[in-house]
Amino acid sequence: MLSRWHSFEDGVLSPANYIDDMKTAGMIDKLDLYILEKTCEILSNWKNTEFENLYLSCNFTRTTISQPDFLVRFEEIISKYDFDKSKLIVELTEDSLVRDASVAYKNILGIKKYGCRIALDDFGSGYTSFSDLCDYPIDVIKIDKHIVEKSTSDRGNAVLIGIVRMAHNLGISVLCEGIENEGESQKATDAGCDYI
């Protein structure tokens, strides 16, 4: 699920144009939880339709995930909707470092108790790090598109293959983001990537 701001002055804006302002205003948790609500609503509407086997994912900033009341708010929303909770993927964004790692860990475990999957977004860029794989029970890593773009060189390809192998050794599925042509698709497939 992706958010966009429909601005009267500037047209449709991507999150890069407003997320930092929402963080500064202390509103990012409201956006994260709003997107969760919409995601759950769609998954509930898909039940018993041809779409019921599809997954939907929604992003959560680390700021939101590390709030002490996050799990209560998360539970309030998902308990209102009837759908297979394994179809909901919660993505941790690479936006910033976690404020309180112990609270974030507890919240992530709480999410997993519902059967939801946890994904690490944009692996290989920003604040995502290998320590996240040690610190959190991650089910999926989403390799940043820049890593895939660099896989055209021998060194870049070795990095991509290495990340995929490491993830698989940890029992983590891998999705390569930003695949835009047949060559990138082949590189991701040859590296053993599970999803593109």
N, C-alpha and C. Protein backbone atom coordinates (compact mmCIF):
# COMPACT_ATOMS: atom_id res chain seq x y z
N MET A 1 0.86 -1.17 0.00
CA MET A 1 0.00 0.00 0.00
C MET A 1 0.90 1.22 0.00
N LEU A 2 0.66 2.10 -0.91
CA LEU A 2 1.48 3.30 -1.03
C LEU A 2 0.63 4.54 -0.80
N SER A 3 1.18 5.48 -0.08
CA SER A 3 0.46 6.73 0.14
C SER A 3 0.94 7.78 -0.86
N ARG A 4 0.03 8.63 -1.24
CA ARG A 4 0.32 9.78 -2.09
C ARG A 4 -0.49 10.95 -1.55
N TRP A 5 0.06 12.14 -1.65
CA TRP A 5 -0.64 13.34 -1.21
C TRP A 5 -1.16 14.06 -2.44
N HIS A 6 -2.47 14.22 -2.52
CA HIS A 6 -3.09 14.95 -3.62
C HIS A 6 -3.19 16.41 -3.22
N SER A 7 -2.19 17.18 -3.62
CA SER A 7 -2.09 18.59 -3.27
C SER A 7 -2.78 19.45 -4.31
N PHE A 8 -3.59 20.40 -3.86
CA PHE A 8 -4.25 21.31 -4.80
C PHE A 8 -3.23 22.15 -5.56
N GLU A 9 -2.14 22.52 -4.89
CA GLU A 9 -1.14 23.38 -5.52
C GLU A 9 -0.14 22.62 -6.38
N ASP A 10 0.29 21.45 -5.91
CA ASP A 10 1.40 20.76 -6.56
C ASP A 10 1.04 19.44 -7.24
N GLY A 11 -0.21 19.04 -7.20
CA GLY A 11 -0.61 17.78 -7.81
C GLY A 11 -0.32 16.59 -6.89
N VAL A 12 -0.09 15.43 -7.48
CA VAL A 12 0.15 14.22 -6.70
C VAL A 12 1.62 14.17 -6.29
N LEU A 13 1.84 14.07 -4.96
CA LEU A 13 3.20 14.06 -4.42
C LEU A 13 3.53 12.69 -3.84
N SER A 14 4.76 12.27 -4.04
CA SER A 14 5.22 11.01 -3.46
C SER A 14 5.63 11.23 -2.00
N PRO A 15 5.78 10.17 -1.22
CA PRO A 15 6.14 10.32 0.19
C PRO A 15 7.42 11.12 0.43
N ALA A 16 8.35 11.09 -0.51
CA ALA A 16 9.59 11.86 -0.34
C ALA A 16 9.31 13.35 -0.15
N ASN A 17 8.14 13.79 -0.61
CA ASN A 17 7.80 15.21 -0.52
C ASN A 17 7.09 15.60 0.78
N TYR A 18 6.63 14.63 1.58
CA TYR A 18 5.88 15.00 2.77
C TYR A 18 6.17 14.18 4.03
N ILE A 19 6.85 13.06 3.92
CA ILE A 19 7.09 12.22 5.10
C ILE A 19 7.90 12.96 6.16
N ASP A 20 8.96 13.65 5.75
CA ASP A 20 9.77 14.37 6.74
C ASP A 20 8.96 15.43 7.47
N ASP A 21 8.07 16.11 6.74
CA ASP A 21 7.21 17.11 7.38
C ASP A 21 6.26 16.46 8.38
N MET A 22 5.76 15.27 8.03
CA MET A 22 4.85 14.57 8.95
C MET A 22 5.60 14.13 10.21
N LYS A 23 6.85 13.71 10.04
CA LYS A 23 7.66 13.34 11.21
C LYS A 23 7.89 14.55 12.10
N THR A 24 8.25 15.67 11.47
CA THR A 24 8.50 16.89 12.23
C THR A 24 7.26 17.33 13.00
N ALA A 25 6.10 17.16 12.39
CA ALA A 25 4.83 17.56 13.01
C ALA A 25 4.32 16.53 14.01
N GLY A 26 5.04 15.39 14.14
CA GLY A 26 4.60 14.34 15.06
C GLY A 26 3.36 13.61 14.57
N MET A 27 3.19 13.50 13.26
CA MET A 27 1.98 12.91 12.67
C MET A 27 2.25 11.59 11.94
N ILE A 28 3.50 11.13 11.90
CA ILE A 28 3.82 9.97 11.08
C ILE A 28 3.11 8.72 11.55
N ASP A 29 2.92 8.58 12.86
CA ASP A 29 2.22 7.40 13.36
C ASP A 29 0.77 7.38 12.88
N LYS A 30 0.15 8.54 12.76
CA LYS A 30 -1.23 8.61 12.27
C LYS A 30 -1.31 8.14 10.82
N LEU A 31 -0.34 8.54 10.00
CA LEU A 31 -0.32 8.08 8.62
C LEU A 31 -0.09 6.56 8.56
N ASP A 32 0.89 6.08 9.31
CA ASP A 32 1.18 4.64 9.31
C ASP A 32 -0.05 3.82 9.68
N LEU A 33 -0.76 4.25 10.72
CA LEU A 33 -1.93 3.50 11.19
C LEU A 33 -3.12 3.67 10.24
N TYR A 34 -3.23 4.81 9.59
CA TYR A 34 -4.27 5.01 8.57
C TYR A 34 -4.06 4.03 7.41
N ILE A 35 -2.81 3.91 6.96
CA ILE A 35 -2.50 2.99 5.87
C ILE A 35 -2.78 1.55 6.31
N LEU A 36 -2.46 1.20 7.56
CA LEU A 36 -2.78 -0.13 8.07
C LEU A 36 -4.29 -0.38 8.00
N GLU A 37 -5.07 0.59 8.43
CA GLU A 37 -6.53 0.45 8.40
C GLU A 37 -7.02 0.18 6.98
N LYS A 38 -6.53 0.94 6.01
CA LYS A 38 -6.93 0.76 4.62
C LYS A 38 -6.49 -0.60 4.09
N THR A 39 -5.30 -1.04 4.48
CA THR A 39 -4.80 -2.34 4.05
C THR A 39 -5.69 -3.46 4.58
N CYS A 40 -6.03 -3.39 5.86
CA CYS A 40 -6.90 -4.41 6.47
C CYS A 40 -8.28 -4.41 5.82
N GLU A 41 -8.79 -3.24 5.51
CA GLU A 41 -10.10 -3.12 4.86
C GLU A 41 -10.08 -3.82 3.50
N ILE A 42 -9.02 -3.60 2.73
CA ILE A 42 -8.92 -4.23 1.42
C ILE A 42 -8.78 -5.75 1.56
N LEU A 43 -7.92 -6.20 2.46
CA LEU A 43 -7.75 -7.64 2.66
C LEU A 43 -9.06 -8.29 3.09
N SER A 44 -9.83 -7.61 3.93
CA SER A 44 -11.13 -8.12 4.35
C SER A 44 -12.10 -8.19 3.16
N ASN A 45 -12.08 -7.17 2.33
CA ASN A 45 -12.95 -7.17 1.14
C ASN A 45 -12.55 -8.24 0.13
N TRP A 46 -11.28 -8.63 0.13
CA TRP A 46 -10.81 -9.65 -0.79
C TRP A 46 -11.16 -11.06 -0.36
N LYS A 47 -11.56 -11.23 0.90
CA LYS A 47 -11.88 -12.57 1.40
C LYS A 47 -12.99 -13.19 0.55
N ASN A 48 -12.81 -14.46 0.19
CA ASN A 48 -13.76 -15.20 -0.63
C ASN A 48 -13.93 -14.61 -2.03
N THR A 49 -12.88 -13.95 -2.53
CA THR A 49 -12.88 -13.48 -3.91
C THR A 49 -11.66 -14.09 -4.60
N GLU A 50 -11.50 -13.77 -5.87
CA GLU A 50 -10.32 -14.28 -6.60
C GLU A 50 -9.02 -13.67 -6.10
N PHE A 51 -9.10 -12.63 -5.25
CA PHE A 51 -7.90 -11.96 -4.74
C PHE A 51 -7.47 -12.46 -3.36
N GLU A 52 -8.19 -13.39 -2.77
CA GLU A 52 -7.94 -13.75 -1.37
C GLU A 52 -6.56 -14.36 -1.11
N ASN A 53 -5.89 -14.83 -2.13
CA ASN A 53 -4.55 -15.41 -1.94
C ASN A 53 -3.43 -14.41 -2.15
N LEU A 54 -3.77 -13.16 -2.43
CA LEU A 54 -2.75 -12.13 -2.59
C LEU A 54 -2.33 -11.57 -1.24
N TYR A 55 -1.11 -11.08 -1.18
CA TYR A 55 -0.57 -10.43 0.01
C TYR A 55 -0.63 -8.92 -0.19
N LEU A 56 -0.75 -8.20 0.91
CA LEU A 56 -0.59 -6.75 0.88
C LEU A 56 0.38 -6.37 1.97
N SER A 57 1.21 -5.42 1.67
CA SER A 57 2.14 -4.96 2.69
C SER A 57 1.95 -3.48 2.92
N CYS A 58 2.24 -3.06 4.13
CA CYS A 58 2.20 -1.63 4.44
C CYS A 58 3.43 -1.28 5.27
N ASN A 59 3.92 -0.10 5.03
CA ASN A 59 5.14 0.37 5.68
C ASN A 59 4.85 0.95 7.06
N PHE A 60 5.78 0.74 7.95
CA PHE A 60 5.77 1.39 9.25
C PHE A 60 7.14 2.00 9.49
N THR A 61 7.17 3.26 9.86
CA THR A 61 8.44 3.87 10.20
C THR A 61 8.92 3.25 11.51
N ARG A 62 10.19 3.30 11.71
CA ARG A 62 10.75 2.77 12.96
C ARG A 62 10.32 3.64 14.14
N THR A 63 10.02 4.90 13.87
CA THR A 63 9.51 5.78 14.92
C THR A 63 8.18 5.23 15.45
N THR A 64 7.30 4.84 14.55
CA THR A 64 6.00 4.30 14.94
C THR A 64 6.15 2.95 15.64
N ILE A 65 6.96 2.06 15.05
CA ILE A 65 7.14 0.71 15.61
C ILE A 65 7.70 0.76 17.03
N SER A 66 8.48 1.78 17.35
CA SER A 66 9.11 1.82 18.67
C SER A 66 8.29 2.59 19.72
N GLN A 67 7.05 2.95 19.39
CA GLN A 67 6.20 3.62 20.38
C GLN A 67 5.61 2.59 21.35
N PRO A 68 5.59 2.92 22.65
CA PRO A 68 5.10 1.96 23.65
C PRO A 68 3.66 1.51 23.43
N ASP A 69 2.81 2.36 22.87
CA ASP A 69 1.39 1.98 22.68
C ASP A 69 1.11 1.44 21.28
N PHE A 70 2.15 1.20 20.48
CA PHE A 70 1.95 0.76 19.11
C PHE A 70 1.13 -0.52 19.02
N LEU A 71 1.49 -1.52 19.80
CA LEU A 71 0.85 -2.83 19.66
C LEU A 71 -0.64 -2.75 19.99
N VAL A 72 -1.00 -1.96 20.98
CA VAL A 72 -2.41 -1.79 21.33
C VAL A 72 -3.16 -1.18 20.15
N ARG A 73 -2.58 -0.17 19.56
CA ARG A 73 -3.22 0.51 18.41
C ARG A 73 -3.29 -0.42 17.20
N PHE A 74 -2.24 -1.19 16.98
CA PHE A 74 -2.20 -2.17 15.89
C PHE A 74 -3.32 -3.19 16.08
N GLU A 75 -3.43 -3.74 17.28
CA GLU A 75 -4.44 -4.76 17.58
C GLU A 75 -5.85 -4.21 17.41
N GLU A 76 -6.08 -2.97 17.83
CA GLU A 76 -7.40 -2.36 17.68
C GLU A 76 -7.83 -2.33 16.22
N ILE A 77 -6.90 -2.04 15.35
CA ILE A 77 -7.24 -1.94 13.92
C ILE A 77 -7.45 -3.31 13.31
N ILE A 78 -6.49 -4.22 13.45
CA ILE A 78 -6.62 -5.48 12.71
C ILE A 78 -7.74 -6.36 13.26
N SER A 79 -8.10 -6.19 14.53
CA SER A 79 -9.17 -7.01 15.10
C SER A 79 -10.55 -6.63 14.55
N LYS A 80 -10.66 -5.47 13.92
CA LYS A 80 -11.93 -5.04 13.34
C LYS A 80 -12.23 -5.72 12.01
N TYR A 81 -11.24 -6.38 11.43
CA TYR A 81 -11.38 -6.91 10.07
C TYR A 81 -11.17 -8.41 10.05
N ASP A 82 -11.97 -9.08 9.21
CA ASP A 82 -11.91 -10.54 9.08
C ASP A 82 -11.14 -10.89 7.81
N PHE A 83 -9.91 -11.34 7.98
CA PHE A 83 -9.10 -11.80 6.85
C PHE A 83 -7.98 -12.67 7.40
N ASP A 84 -7.35 -13.43 6.53
CA ASP A 84 -6.22 -14.27 6.89
C ASP A 84 -5.03 -13.35 7.18
N LYS A 85 -4.65 -13.26 8.46
CA LYS A 85 -3.61 -12.31 8.88
C LYS A 85 -2.25 -12.61 8.26
N SER A 86 -2.06 -13.84 7.77
CA SER A 86 -0.78 -14.14 7.11
C SER A 86 -0.64 -13.40 5.78
N LYS A 87 -1.73 -12.83 5.30
CA LYS A 87 -1.69 -12.07 4.04
C LYS A 87 -1.24 -10.62 4.26
N LEU A 88 -1.05 -10.23 5.52
CA LEU A 88 -0.59 -8.88 5.85
C LEU A 88 0.91 -8.91 6.12
N ILE A 89 1.65 -8.13 5.37
CA ILE A 89 3.10 -8.00 5.58
C ILE A 89 3.38 -6.61 6.12
N VAL A 90 4.03 -6.56 7.26
CA VAL A 90 4.42 -5.29 7.87
C VAL A 90 5.86 -5.02 7.48
N GLU A 91 6.08 -3.90 6.78
CA GLU A 91 7.43 -3.55 6.33
C GLU A 91 8.02 -2.49 7.25
N LEU A 92 9.24 -2.75 7.70
CA LEU A 92 9.98 -1.76 8.47
C LEU A 92 10.76 -0.92 7.47
N THR A 93 10.50 0.37 7.47
CA THR A 93 11.18 1.25 6.53
C THR A 93 12.59 1.57 7.02
N GLU A 94 13.39 2.08 6.11
CA GLU A 94 14.78 2.40 6.44
C GLU A 94 14.93 3.87 6.81
N ASP A 95 13.86 4.48 7.31
CA ASP A 95 13.84 5.92 7.51
C ASP A 95 14.74 6.44 8.61
N SER A 96 14.91 5.70 9.68
CA SER A 96 15.72 6.21 10.80
C SER A 96 16.07 5.06 11.72
N LEU A 97 16.89 5.34 12.67
CA LEU A 97 17.23 4.35 13.68
C LEU A 97 16.08 4.23 14.67
N VAL A 98 15.92 3.05 15.24
CA VAL A 98 14.87 2.80 16.22
C VAL A 98 15.16 3.59 17.50
N ARG A 99 14.15 4.25 18.04
CA ARG A 99 14.33 5.01 19.27
C ARG A 99 14.57 4.09 20.46
N ASP A 100 13.77 3.03 20.57
CA ASP A 100 13.88 2.10 21.69
C ASP A 100 13.81 0.69 21.12
N ALA A 101 14.96 0.06 20.95
CA ALA A 101 15.04 -1.24 20.30
C ALA A 101 14.26 -2.31 21.05
N SER A 102 14.24 -2.26 22.38
CA SER A 102 13.53 -3.29 23.14
C SER A 102 12.02 -3.18 22.93
N VAL A 103 11.49 -1.96 22.85
CA VAL A 103 10.06 -1.76 22.60
C VAL A 103 9.75 -2.20 21.17
N ALA A 104 10.59 -1.84 20.22
CA ALA A 104 10.37 -2.23 18.83
C ALA A 104 10.36 -3.75 18.71
N TYR A 105 11.29 -4.41 19.38
CA TYR A 105 11.36 -5.88 19.34
C TYR A 105 10.08 -6.50 19.89
N LYS A 106 9.62 -6.00 21.03
CA LYS A 106 8.39 -6.50 21.64
C LYS A 106 7.20 -6.30 20.71
N ASN A 107 7.14 -5.14 20.08
CA ASN A 107 6.04 -4.86 19.15
C ASN A 107 6.08 -5.76 17.92
N ILE A 108 7.26 -6.02 17.40
CA ILE A 108 7.39 -6.90 16.25
C ILE A 108 6.98 -8.32 16.61
N LEU A 109 7.37 -8.79 17.78
CA LEU A 109 6.93 -10.12 18.21
C LEU A 109 5.41 -10.17 18.33
N GLY A 110 4.81 -9.09 18.84
CA GLY A 110 3.36 -9.02 18.94
C GLY A 110 2.67 -9.08 17.59
N ILE A 111 3.25 -8.42 16.60
CA ILE A 111 2.71 -8.47 15.24
C ILE A 111 2.76 -9.90 14.72
N LYS A 112 3.88 -10.58 14.94
CA LYS A 112 4.05 -11.94 14.44
C LYS A 112 3.09 -12.92 15.11
N LYS A 113 2.68 -12.64 16.36
CA LYS A 113 1.73 -13.53 17.04
C LYS A 113 0.40 -13.59 16.31
N TYR A 114 0.09 -12.56 15.54
CA TYR A 114 -1.13 -12.56 14.74
C TYR A 114 -0.96 -13.33 13.44
N GLY A 115 0.25 -13.76 13.15
CA GLY A 115 0.50 -14.48 11.91
C GLY A 115 0.96 -13.59 10.77
N CYS A 116 1.10 -12.30 11.03
CA CYS A 116 1.58 -11.37 10.01
C CYS A 116 3.07 -11.61 9.77
N ARG A 117 3.52 -11.27 8.59
CA ARG A 117 4.93 -11.40 8.26
C ARG A 117 5.61 -10.05 8.39
N ILE A 118 6.92 -10.09 8.66
CA ILE A 118 7.72 -8.88 8.82
C ILE A 118 8.73 -8.80 7.69
N ALA A 119 8.76 -7.67 7.02
CA ALA A 119 9.72 -7.44 5.93
C ALA A 119 10.60 -6.25 6.27
N LEU A 120 11.82 -6.33 5.82
CA LEU A 120 12.77 -5.23 5.98
C LEU A 120 12.89 -4.55 4.62
N ASP A 121 12.42 -3.32 4.54
CA ASP A 121 12.35 -2.60 3.27
C ASP A 121 13.71 -1.98 2.90
N ASP A 122 13.97 -1.90 1.61
CA ASP A 122 15.15 -1.22 1.07
C ASP A 122 16.46 -1.69 1.69
N PHE A 123 16.61 -3.02 1.83
CA PHE A 123 17.84 -3.56 2.40
C PHE A 123 19.02 -3.15 1.51
N GLY A 124 20.06 -2.62 2.14
CA GLY A 124 21.24 -2.18 1.42
C GLY A 124 21.30 -0.68 1.23
N SER A 125 20.33 0.04 1.81
CA SER A 125 20.37 1.50 1.71
C SER A 125 19.97 2.11 3.05
N GLY A 126 20.22 3.37 3.20
CA GLY A 126 19.77 4.09 4.39
C GLY A 126 20.26 3.48 5.70
N TYR A 127 19.32 3.29 6.61
CA TYR A 127 19.65 2.81 7.95
C TYR A 127 19.54 1.30 8.10
N THR A 128 19.06 0.60 7.07
CA THR A 128 18.96 -0.86 7.20
C THR A 128 20.37 -1.42 7.30
N SER A 129 20.52 -2.41 8.12
CA SER A 129 21.85 -2.98 8.31
C SER A 129 21.74 -4.47 8.60
N PHE A 130 22.89 -5.10 8.57
CA PHE A 130 22.93 -6.52 8.87
C PHE A 130 22.53 -6.78 10.32
N SER A 131 22.72 -5.81 11.20
CA SER A 131 22.33 -6.02 12.59
C SER A 131 20.81 -6.17 12.72
N ASP A 132 20.03 -5.57 11.79
CA ASP A 132 18.58 -5.76 11.80
C ASP A 132 18.23 -7.25 11.68
N LEU A 133 19.02 -7.98 10.91
CA LEU A 133 18.76 -9.40 10.72
C LEU A 133 19.04 -10.19 12.00
N CYS A 134 19.92 -9.66 12.84
CA CYS A 134 20.20 -10.28 14.13
C CYS A 134 19.18 -9.84 15.18
N ASP A 135 18.73 -8.59 15.09
CA ASP A 135 17.89 -8.01 16.13
C ASP A 135 16.41 -8.34 16.02
N TYR A 136 15.91 -8.57 14.81
CA TYR A 136 14.47 -8.73 14.61
C TYR A 136 14.15 -10.03 13.86
N PRO A 137 12.98 -10.62 14.14
CA PRO A 137 12.57 -11.85 13.44
C PRO A 137 12.00 -11.52 12.06
N ILE A 138 12.89 -11.25 11.13
CA ILE A 138 12.52 -10.83 9.78
C ILE A 138 12.15 -12.06 8.94
N ASP A 139 11.07 -11.94 8.17
CA ASP A 139 10.64 -13.02 7.27
C ASP A 139 11.09 -12.77 5.83
N VAL A 140 11.17 -11.49 5.45
CA VAL A 140 11.48 -11.12 4.07
C VAL A 140 12.39 -9.90 4.08
N ILE A 141 13.41 -9.91 3.23
CA ILE A 141 14.14 -8.67 2.99
C ILE A 141 13.84 -8.23 1.56
N LYS A 142 13.68 -6.94 1.40
CA LYS A 142 13.47 -6.35 0.09
C LYS A 142 14.75 -5.62 -0.29
N ILE A 143 15.48 -6.20 -1.24
CA ILE A 143 16.77 -5.62 -1.64
C ILE A 143 16.51 -4.35 -2.45
N ASP A 144 17.16 -3.28 -2.03
CA ASP A 144 16.99 -1.98 -2.68
C ASP A 144 17.35 -2.06 -4.16
N LYS A 145 16.60 -1.33 -4.97
CA LYS A 145 16.80 -1.38 -6.42
C LYS A 145 18.20 -0.97 -6.85
N HIS A 146 18.88 -0.13 -6.06
CA HIS A 146 20.23 0.29 -6.43
C HIS A 146 21.22 -0.88 -6.38
N ILE A 147 21.00 -1.81 -5.47
CA ILE A 147 21.84 -3.01 -5.42
C ILE A 147 21.63 -3.83 -6.69
N VAL A 148 20.38 -3.96 -7.11
CA VAL A 148 20.08 -4.71 -8.32
C VAL A 148 20.69 -4.02 -9.54
N GLU A 149 20.57 -2.70 -9.62
CA GLU A 149 21.14 -1.95 -10.75
C GLU A 149 22.65 -2.15 -10.84
N LYS A 150 23.31 -2.26 -9.70
CA LYS A 150 24.77 -2.42 -9.69
C LYS A 150 25.20 -3.86 -9.96
N SER A 151 24.24 -4.78 -10.04
CA SER A 151 24.59 -6.19 -10.26
C SER A 151 25.06 -6.45 -11.68
N THR A 152 25.08 -5.44 -12.52
CA THR A 152 25.61 -5.61 -13.87
C THR A 152 27.13 -5.77 -13.87
N SER A 153 27.79 -5.27 -12.80
CA SER A 153 29.24 -5.48 -12.68
C SER A 153 29.50 -6.77 -11.91
N ASP A 154 30.69 -7.34 -12.08
CA ASP A 154 31.03 -8.58 -11.38
C ASP A 154 30.95 -8.39 -9.86
N ARG A 155 31.48 -7.28 -9.40
CA ARG A 155 31.48 -7.00 -7.95
C ARG A 155 30.05 -6.81 -7.43
N GLY A 156 29.26 -6.04 -8.17
CA GLY A 156 27.87 -5.81 -7.78
C GLY A 156 27.06 -7.10 -7.79
N ASN A 157 27.31 -7.95 -8.79
CA ASN A 157 26.61 -9.23 -8.86
C ASN A 157 26.99 -10.13 -7.68
N ALA A 158 28.26 -10.09 -7.29
CA ALA A 158 28.71 -10.88 -6.13
C ALA A 158 28.02 -10.41 -4.85
N VAL A 159 27.81 -9.09 -4.72
CA VAL A 159 27.12 -8.55 -3.55
C VAL A 159 25.68 -9.05 -3.53
N LEU A 160 24.99 -8.97 -4.67
CA LEU A 160 23.60 -9.43 -4.75
C LEU A 160 23.50 -10.91 -4.39
N ILE A 161 24.34 -11.73 -4.99
CA ILE A 161 24.33 -13.17 -4.72
C ILE A 161 24.62 -13.43 -3.23
N GLY A 162 25.59 -12.70 -2.68
CA GLY A 162 25.94 -12.88 -1.27
C GLY A 162 24.80 -12.54 -0.34
N ILE A 163 24.08 -11.45 -0.62
CA ILE A 163 22.94 -11.06 0.23
C ILE A 163 21.85 -12.12 0.16
N VAL A 164 21.56 -12.61 -1.04
CA VAL A 164 20.51 -13.62 -1.20
C VAL A 164 20.89 -14.90 -0.45
N ARG A 165 22.12 -15.35 -0.61
CA ARG A 165 22.56 -16.58 0.08
C ARG A 165 22.50 -16.43 1.59
N MET A 166 22.97 -15.28 2.10
CA MET A 166 22.94 -15.04 3.54
C MET A 166 21.51 -15.07 4.05
N ALA A 167 20.61 -14.38 3.34
CA ALA A 167 19.20 -14.36 3.75
C ALA A 167 18.63 -15.77 3.76
N HIS A 168 18.88 -16.54 2.73
CA HIS A 168 18.36 -17.90 2.67
C HIS A 168 18.93 -18.77 3.80
N ASN A 169 20.21 -18.58 4.13
CA ASN A 169 20.80 -19.32 5.25
C ASN A 169 20.13 -18.99 6.57
N LEU A 170 19.53 -17.79 6.66
CA LEU A 170 18.81 -17.38 7.87
C LEU A 170 17.32 -17.73 7.80
N GLY A 171 16.90 -18.37 6.71
CA GLY A 171 15.49 -18.72 6.55
C GLY A 171 14.63 -17.53 6.15
N ILE A 172 15.24 -16.54 5.51
CA ILE A 172 14.56 -15.31 5.12
C ILE A 172 14.36 -15.31 3.60
N SER A 173 13.14 -14.99 3.16
CA SER A 173 12.87 -14.85 1.74
C SER A 173 13.40 -13.51 1.24
N VAL A 174 13.65 -13.45 -0.08
CA VAL A 174 14.24 -12.24 -0.67
C VAL A 174 13.37 -11.76 -1.83
N LEU A 175 13.11 -10.45 -1.81
CA LEU A 175 12.42 -9.78 -2.91
C LEU A 175 13.36 -8.71 -3.45
N CYS A 176 13.57 -8.70 -4.75
CA CYS A 176 14.38 -7.65 -5.37
C CYS A 176 13.44 -6.57 -5.90
N GLU A 177 13.69 -5.34 -5.46
CA GLU A 177 12.84 -4.20 -5.86
C GLU A 177 13.37 -3.56 -7.14
N GLY A 178 12.46 -2.88 -7.83
CA GLY A 178 12.85 -2.03 -8.94
C GLY A 178 13.29 -2.75 -10.19
N ILE A 179 12.84 -3.97 -10.39
CA ILE A 179 13.19 -4.70 -11.61
C ILE A 179 12.44 -4.06 -12.78
N GLU A 180 13.20 -3.54 -13.74
CA GLU A 180 12.56 -2.79 -14.82
C GLU A 180 12.86 -3.32 -16.21
N ASN A 181 13.73 -4.32 -16.29
CA ASN A 181 14.01 -4.86 -17.62
C ASN A 181 14.40 -6.33 -17.51
N GLU A 182 14.49 -6.98 -18.65
CA GLU A 182 14.77 -8.42 -18.68
C GLU A 182 16.14 -8.75 -18.09
N GLY A 183 17.14 -7.89 -18.33
CA GLY A 183 18.48 -8.13 -17.79
C GLY A 183 18.49 -8.13 -16.27
N GLU A 184 17.81 -7.16 -15.64
CA GLU A 184 17.73 -7.11 -14.18
C GLU A 184 16.93 -8.29 -13.64
N SER A 185 15.88 -8.66 -14.35
CA SER A 185 15.09 -9.81 -13.94
C SER A 185 15.94 -11.08 -13.96
N GLN A 186 16.76 -11.23 -14.99
CA GLN A 186 17.61 -12.42 -15.10
C GLN A 186 18.67 -12.44 -14.00
N LYS A 187 19.26 -11.26 -13.70
CA LYS A 187 20.26 -11.18 -12.62
C LYS A 187 19.65 -11.59 -11.28
N ALA A 188 18.45 -11.09 -11.00
CA ALA A 188 17.77 -11.41 -9.74
C ALA A 188 17.42 -12.90 -9.67
N THR A 189 16.95 -13.43 -10.78
CA THR A 189 16.61 -14.85 -10.85
C THR A 189 17.85 -15.73 -10.68
N ASP A 190 18.93 -15.37 -11.39
CA ASP A 190 20.18 -16.13 -11.30
C ASP A 190 20.77 -16.07 -9.89
N ALA A 191 20.54 -14.97 -9.19
CA ALA A 191 21.05 -14.83 -7.81
C ALA A 191 20.24 -15.65 -6.82
N GLY A 192 19.10 -16.16 -7.26
CA GLY A 192 18.26 -16.99 -6.37
C GLY A 192 17.18 -16.22 -5.65
N CYS A 193 16.91 -15.01 -6.10
CA CYS A 193 15.89 -14.18 -5.48
C CYS A 193 14.52 -14.87 -5.57
N ASP A 194 13.75 -14.81 -4.48
CA ASP A 194 12.46 -15.49 -4.42
C ASP A 194 11.36 -14.74 -5.15
N TYR A 195 11.41 -13.43 -5.08
CA TYR A 195 10.36 -12.59 -5.68
C TYR A 195 11.02 -11.37 -6.35
N ILE A 196 10.37 -10.89 -7.41
CA ILE A 196 10.83 -9.66 -8.04
C ILE A 196 9.63 -8.73 -8.19
